[in-house]
Protein backbone atom coordinates (compact mmCIF):
# COMPACT_ATOMS: atom_id res chain seq x y z
CA MET A 1 129.88 112.29 94.84
CA LYS A 2 131.48 111.15 98.16
CA PRO A 3 134.93 109.68 98.36
CA LEU A 4 135.12 105.96 99.33
CA SER A 5 136.12 104.90 102.80
CA GLU A 6 139.54 103.35 103.45
CA ASP A 7 137.84 99.76 103.64
CA ASP A 8 136.11 100.50 100.24
CA ILE A 9 139.30 101.63 98.77
CA ARG A 10 141.25 98.56 100.01
CA GLU A 11 138.73 96.35 98.72
CA ALA A 12 138.51 98.07 95.34
CA LEU A 13 142.14 98.14 94.92
CA SER A 14 142.44 94.46 95.67
CA THR A 15 140.49 93.77 92.50
CA LEU A 16 143.04 95.64 90.31
CA ASP A 17 146.58 94.49 89.20
CA GLY A 18 149.45 96.74 89.57
CA TRP A 19 147.72 99.90 90.73
CA LYS A 20 148.82 101.55 94.07
CA LEU A 21 147.60 104.26 96.15
CA VAL A 22 149.43 107.63 95.92
CA ASP A 23 149.23 111.07 97.15
CA ALA A 24 147.61 112.97 94.23
CA GLY A 25 148.03 116.63 95.22
CA ASN A 26 145.31 117.50 97.61
CA ALA A 27 143.64 114.15 97.43
CA ARG A 28 144.48 110.33 97.45
CA GLY A 29 144.80 108.65 93.99
CA ILE A 30 145.64 105.41 92.40
CA GLU A 31 148.49 105.06 90.01
CA LYS A 32 149.98 102.63 87.52
CA VAL A 33 152.91 102.50 85.29
CA PHE A 34 152.47 100.61 82.00
CA ALA A 35 155.52 99.59 80.16
CA THR A 36 154.87 100.39 76.42
CA GLY A 37 158.25 99.57 74.90
CA ASN A 38 158.53 102.63 72.82
CA PHE A 39 157.33 106.20 72.49
CA LEU A 40 154.94 105.59 69.56
CA LYS A 41 153.40 102.53 71.41
CA GLY A 42 153.00 104.90 74.48
CA LEU A 43 151.39 107.41 72.38
CA ALA A 44 148.92 104.94 70.81
CA PHE A 45 148.10 103.73 74.48
CA VAL A 46 147.35 107.09 75.81
CA THR A 47 145.27 107.85 72.77
CA LYS A 48 143.11 104.63 73.76
CA VAL A 49 142.93 105.75 77.20
CA ALA A 50 141.85 109.24 76.25
CA VAL A 51 138.89 107.53 74.41
CA LEU A 52 137.89 105.60 77.51
CA ALA A 53 138.22 108.82 79.70
CA GLU A 54 136.04 110.86 77.38
CA HIS A 55 133.29 108.18 77.39
CA ALA A 56 133.49 107.99 81.23
CA ASP A 57 133.73 111.95 81.49
CA HIS A 58 136.54 111.11 83.86
CA HIS A 59 140.21 111.90 83.07
CA PRO A 60 143.44 110.60 84.49
CA ASP A 61 146.66 112.60 84.87
CA VAL A 62 149.13 111.13 82.13
CA MET A 63 152.76 111.19 82.00
CA LEU A 64 154.13 109.68 78.69
CA SER A 65 157.84 109.13 78.89
CA TYR A 66 159.70 106.60 76.93
CA PRO A 67 159.30 103.67 77.40
CA ARG A 68 156.37 103.90 79.77
CA VAL A 69 153.16 105.78 80.46
CA LYS A 70 152.08 106.53 84.06
CA LEU A 71 148.35 107.19 84.85
CA THR A 72 147.02 108.62 88.03
CA LEU A 73 143.30 108.69 88.72
CA THR A 74 141.50 110.70 91.39
CA THR A 75 138.04 112.25 91.65
CA HIS A 76 139.15 115.93 92.15
CA GLU A 77 135.56 117.20 92.74
CA ALA A 78 135.05 114.69 95.45
CA GLY A 79 138.56 115.32 96.94
CA GLY A 80 139.62 111.57 96.81
CA LEU A 81 138.96 108.28 95.36
CA THR A 82 135.50 107.25 94.21
CA GLU A 83 134.03 104.15 92.28
CA LYS A 84 134.63 106.24 89.01
CA ASP A 85 138.41 105.81 89.63
CA PHE A 86 138.24 102.24 90.07
CA LYS A 87 135.75 101.74 87.24
CA LEU A 88 138.29 103.48 84.87
CA ALA A 89 141.27 101.75 86.06
CA GLY A 90 139.48 98.37 85.23
CA GLU A 91 138.61 99.64 81.77
CA ILE A 92 142.14 100.66 81.10
CA ASP A 93 143.55 97.37 82.32
CA ALA A 94 141.32 95.60 79.76
CA LEU A 95 142.87 97.53 76.87
């Protein structure tokens, strides 16, 4: 799977609410912080994200800290952002 071009990334990012481009180690990624209100709600949200991620066989980096959850998506094997990242981001936003 090849990473998306800069134009494709900008276009895909414009369809999402609140996601931003970040440096995800050795690749570009997208990241969003979700306000969950408290630790238990954050943990429940992470569990829902985990189910989506398993079905997609695409797993975000997750940081759970009261009262928010930060998710970062990148396709490590492609060395950057792919359609998989934006598809999963949209599914996460729909939770």
